[in-house]
Structure formats: C-alpha cells, structure tokens
Amino acid sequence: MDHRVSEQAHFINKLGHKLLKYVEGKISLEMEIPKLLWLKQNLPGTWKRTELFFYLTDFLTWKATGCESRLSCSLVCKWNYRSGPNITNNWCFDYLEEIGLSDLATCYI
C-alpha cells in the first residue's frame, strides 16, 4: 500500500465530516480523495494541468473505448461521491471545501 497519503487521510478523518458515515466513519489510504489531496498539495502544477481523474477500472474502460463514463460503485466507494434517489448534488460541496478540494466539484472526474 502507498502510504504517501497517510497525512492527508488523517487530516480528513480528524475533521469528522458527516459524509464519512458512508465509509464506516473514516477514509482509507486506498480511497481517491486523500490521493487527490496529496496530488494537489505536492504537485500543484500537475493538479492544474489534469483534466480527468479516473479510478483504475474507469481508466481501462476509457483507454479501451474512449468513453469517459464512471462506475457508480467506484465513485461512491472510493471518491466519497453521493448517489441515491434523493440526492440532487452528488458532490458534498461543504466536505470538499473543508478538506481543500472544492475545485474537484467543478471538474469531470
């Protein structure tokens, strides 16, 4: 496991945002959000130049088909993306703002 994001995961968990209840109360090092926060903090030039972010299965689909669709399973389980019949905004904007990734809500993951 890549432990570069342990500081970011700890920071996010310490905030205790209500969204974390959907991931058993804490974010894992294996989830995408702490990885993206690490990228933004440590490689800001790369962060600014990147137009798309993918989970591995979605990346492979994109490479094979050119389709930018995402699996809702990986979005919900790995990206803290909300999904369901009563959800109108899939991104929890206050969560992203609190952790320093508010600009993620404006890009197509």
C-alpha atoms as a PDB file:
ATOM      1  CA  MET A   1       0.000   0.000   0.000  1.00  0.00           C
ATOM      2  CA  ASP A   2       1.211   3.501  -0.831  1.00  0.00           C
ATOM      3  CA  HIS A   3       1.472   5.412   2.448  1.00  0.00           C
ATOM      4  CA  ARG A   4       2.267   8.833   0.980  1.00  0.00           C
ATOM      5  CA  VAL A   5      -1.296   9.927   1.682  1.00  0.00           C
ATOM      6  CA  SER A   6      -1.411   8.985   5.376  1.00  0.00           C
ATOM      7  CA  GLU A   7      -1.125  12.639   6.421  1.00  0.00           C
ATOM      8  CA  GLN A   8      -3.996  13.630   4.128  1.00  0.00           C
ATOM      9  CA  ALA A   9      -6.193  10.733   5.273  1.00  0.00           C
ATOM     10  CA  HIS A  10      -5.507  11.592   8.919  1.00  0.00           C
ATOM     11  CA  PHE A  11      -6.394  15.248   8.263  1.00  0.00           C
ATOM     12  CA  ILE A  12      -9.686  14.289   6.591  1.00  0.00           C
ATOM     13  CA  ASN A  13     -10.605  11.806   9.333  1.00  0.00           C
ATOM     14  CA  LYS A  14      -9.787  14.316  12.060  1.00  0.00           C
ATOM     15  CA  LEU A  15     -12.346  16.730  10.595  1.00  0.00           C
ATOM     16  CA  GLY A  16     -15.044  14.080  11.124  1.00  0.00           C
ATOM     17  CA  HIS A  17     -17.358  15.301   8.387  1.00  0.00           C
ATOM     18  CA  LYS A  18     -20.811  13.688   8.358  1.00  0.00           C
ATOM     19  CA  LEU A  19     -20.131  12.263   4.877  1.00  0.00           C
ATOM     20  CA  LEU A  20     -17.637   9.837   6.412  1.00  0.00           C
ATOM     21  CA  LYS A  21     -20.527   7.876   7.921  1.00  0.00           C
ATOM     22  CA  TYR A  22     -20.948   6.306   4.480  1.00  0.00           C
ATOM     23  CA  VAL A  23     -17.426   4.864   4.643  1.00  0.00           C
ATOM     24  CA  GLU A  24     -17.600   3.423   8.158  1.00  0.00           C
ATOM     25  CA  GLY A  25     -16.577   6.708   9.760  1.00  0.00           C
ATOM     26  CA  LYS A  26     -13.130   7.107   8.274  1.00  0.00           C
ATOM     27  CA  ILE A  27     -11.402   7.459   4.974  1.00  0.00           C
ATOM     28  CA  SER A  28      -8.864   4.859   3.909  1.00  0.00           C
ATOM     29  CA  LEU A  29      -5.445   5.375   2.345  1.00  0.00           C
ATOM     30  CA  GLU A  30      -6.767   3.406  -0.609  1.00  0.00           C
ATOM     31  CA  MET A  31      -9.541   5.882  -1.398  1.00  0.00           C
ATOM     32  CA  GLU A  32      -9.127   8.501  -4.095  1.00  0.00           C
ATOM     33  CA  ILE A  33      -9.848  11.665  -2.101  1.00  0.00           C
ATOM     34  CA  PRO A  34      -6.688  11.594   0.058  1.00  0.00           C
ATOM     35  CA  LYS A  35      -4.674  10.735  -3.064  1.00  0.00           C
ATOM     36  CA  LEU A  36      -6.104  13.727  -4.896  1.00  0.00           C
ATOM     37  CA  LEU A  37      -5.435  15.975  -1.906  1.00  0.00           C
ATOM     38  CA  TRP A  38      -1.827  14.738  -1.851  1.00  0.00           C
ATOM     39  CA  LEU A  39      -1.506  15.453  -5.565  1.00  0.00           C
ATOM     40  CA  LYS A  40      -2.882  18.970  -5.162  1.00  0.00           C
ATOM     41  CA  GLN A  41      -0.608  19.726  -2.199  1.00  0.00           C
ATOM     42  CA  ASN A  42       2.584  18.168  -3.549  1.00  0.00           C
ATOM     43  CA  LEU A  43       2.329  18.566  -7.328  1.00  0.00           C
ATOM     44  CA  PRO A  44       0.204  21.689  -7.846  1.00  0.00           C
ATOM     45  CA  GLY A  45       1.327  22.122 -11.454  1.00  0.00           C
ATOM     46  CA  THR A  46       0.186  18.614 -12.297  1.00  0.00           C
ATOM     47  CA  TRP A  47      -3.076  19.215 -10.444  1.00  0.00           C
ATOM     48  CA  LYS A  48      -3.795  22.341 -12.508  1.00  0.00           C
ATOM     49  CA  ARG A  49      -2.993  20.627 -15.816  1.00  0.00           C
ATOM     50  CA  THR A  50      -5.054  17.496 -15.197  1.00  0.00           C
ATOM     51  CA  GLU A  51      -8.426  17.461 -16.901  1.00  0.00           C
ATOM     52  CA  LEU A  52      -9.696  13.988 -15.941  1.00  0.00           C
ATOM     53  CA  PHE A  53      -9.310  11.774 -12.902  1.00  0.00           C
ATOM     54  CA  PHE A  54     -10.061   8.056 -13.066  1.00  0.00           C
ATOM     55  CA  TYR A  55     -10.261   5.047 -10.832  1.00  0.00           C
ATOM     56  CA  LEU A  56      -8.352   2.149 -12.440  1.00  0.00           C
ATOM     57  CA  THR A  57     -11.374   0.294 -13.844  1.00  0.00           C
ATOM     58  CA  ASP A  58     -12.762   3.505 -15.313  1.00  0.00           C
ATOM     59  CA  PHE A  59      -9.369   4.371 -16.795  1.00  0.00           C
ATOM     60  CA  LEU A  60      -9.160   0.984 -18.501  1.00  0.00           C
ATOM     61  CA  THR A  61     -12.668   1.453 -19.910  1.00  0.00           C
ATOM     62  CA  TRP A  62     -11.692   4.895 -21.200  1.00  0.00           C
ATOM     63  CA  LYS A  63      -8.498   3.576 -22.812  1.00  0.00           C
ATOM     64  CA  ALA A  64     -10.367   0.717 -24.476  1.00  0.00           C
ATOM     65  CA  THR A  65     -13.443   2.633 -25.621  1.00  0.00           C
ATOM     66  CA  GLY A  66     -12.811   6.362 -25.342  1.00  0.00           C
ATOM     67  CA  CYS A  67     -15.887   6.582 -23.101  1.00  0.00           C
ATOM     68  CA  GLU A  68     -15.432   8.829 -20.052  1.00  0.00           C
ATOM     69  CA  SER A  69     -18.214   7.199 -18.039  1.00  0.00           C
ATOM     70  CA  ARG A  70     -17.587   6.184 -14.443  1.00  0.00           C
ATOM     71  CA  LEU A  71     -18.898   3.217 -12.473  1.00  0.00           C
ATOM     72  CA  SER A  72     -21.138   4.472  -9.689  1.00  0.00           C
ATOM     73  CA  CYS A  73     -19.719   1.770  -7.412  1.00  0.00           C
ATOM     74  CA  SER A  74     -16.181   3.144  -7.606  1.00  0.00           C
ATOM     75  CA  LEU A  75     -17.402   6.746  -7.326  1.00  0.00           C
ATOM     76  CA  VAL A  76     -19.390   6.047  -4.170  1.00  0.00           C
ATOM     77  CA  CYS A  77     -16.930   3.641  -2.542  1.00  0.00           C
ATOM     78  CA  LYS A  78     -13.641   5.343  -3.435  1.00  0.00           C
ATOM     79  CA  TRP A  79     -14.435   9.006  -4.169  1.00  0.00           C
ATOM     80  CA  ASN A  80     -16.950   9.975  -1.433  1.00  0.00           C
ATOM     81  CA  TYR A  81     -19.455  10.653  -4.203  1.00  0.00           C
ATOM     82  CA  ARG A  82     -23.091  10.526  -3.140  1.00  0.00           C
ATOM     83  CA  SER A  83     -25.668   8.555  -5.051  1.00  0.00           C
ATOM     84  CA  GLY A  84     -29.281   7.671  -4.479  1.00  0.00           C
ATOM     85  CA  PRO A  85     -32.864   8.576  -5.294  1.00  0.00           C
ATOM     86  CA  ASN A  86     -32.987  11.663  -3.027  1.00  0.00           C
ATOM     87  CA  ILE A  87     -29.542  13.016  -3.881  1.00  0.00           C
ATOM     88  CA  THR A  88     -29.556  16.154  -6.024  1.00  0.00           C
ATOM     89  CA  ASN A  89     -25.886  17.135  -5.724  1.00  0.00           C
ATOM     90  CA  ASN A  90     -23.589  14.151  -5.976  1.00  0.00           C
ATOM     91  CA  TRP A  91     -20.628  16.049  -4.590  1.00  0.00           C
ATOM     92  CA  CYS A  92     -20.881  17.187  -0.997  1.00  0.00           C
ATOM     93  CA  PHE A  93     -19.595  20.718  -1.556  1.00  0.00           C
ATOM     94  CA  ASP A  94     -19.023  21.624   2.095  1.00  0.00           C
ATOM     95  CA  TYR A  95     -16.967  18.444   2.538  1.00  0.00           C
ATOM     96  CA  LEU A  96     -14.792  19.205  -0.483  1.00  0.00           C
ATOM     97  CA  GLU A  97     -14.355  22.805   0.643  1.00  0.00           C
ATOM     98  CA  GLU A  98     -13.446  21.760   4.185  1.00  0.00           C
ATOM     99  CA  ILE A  99     -10.716  19.389   3.004  1.00  0.00           C
ATOM    100  CA  GLY A 100      -9.365  21.749   0.344  1.00  0.00           C
ATOM    101  CA  LEU A 101     -10.699  20.103  -2.822  1.00  0.00           C
ATOM    102  CA  SER A 102     -13.604  22.394  -3.709  1.00  0.00           C
ATOM    103  CA  ASP A 103     -12.295  22.696  -7.270  1.00  0.00           C
ATOM    104  CA  LEU A 104     -12.841  18.954  -7.737  1.00  0.00           C
ATOM    105  CA  ALA A 105     -16.600  19.549  -7.829  1.00  0.00           C
ATOM    106  CA  THR A 106     -16.230  21.611 -10.988  1.00  0.00           C
ATOM    107  CA  CYS A 107     -14.242  19.080 -12.990  1.00  0.00           C
ATOM    108  CA  TYR A 108     -15.487  15.942 -14.618  1.00  0.00           C
ATOM    109  CA  ILE A 109     -13.908  13.064 -12.773  1.00  0.00           C
END
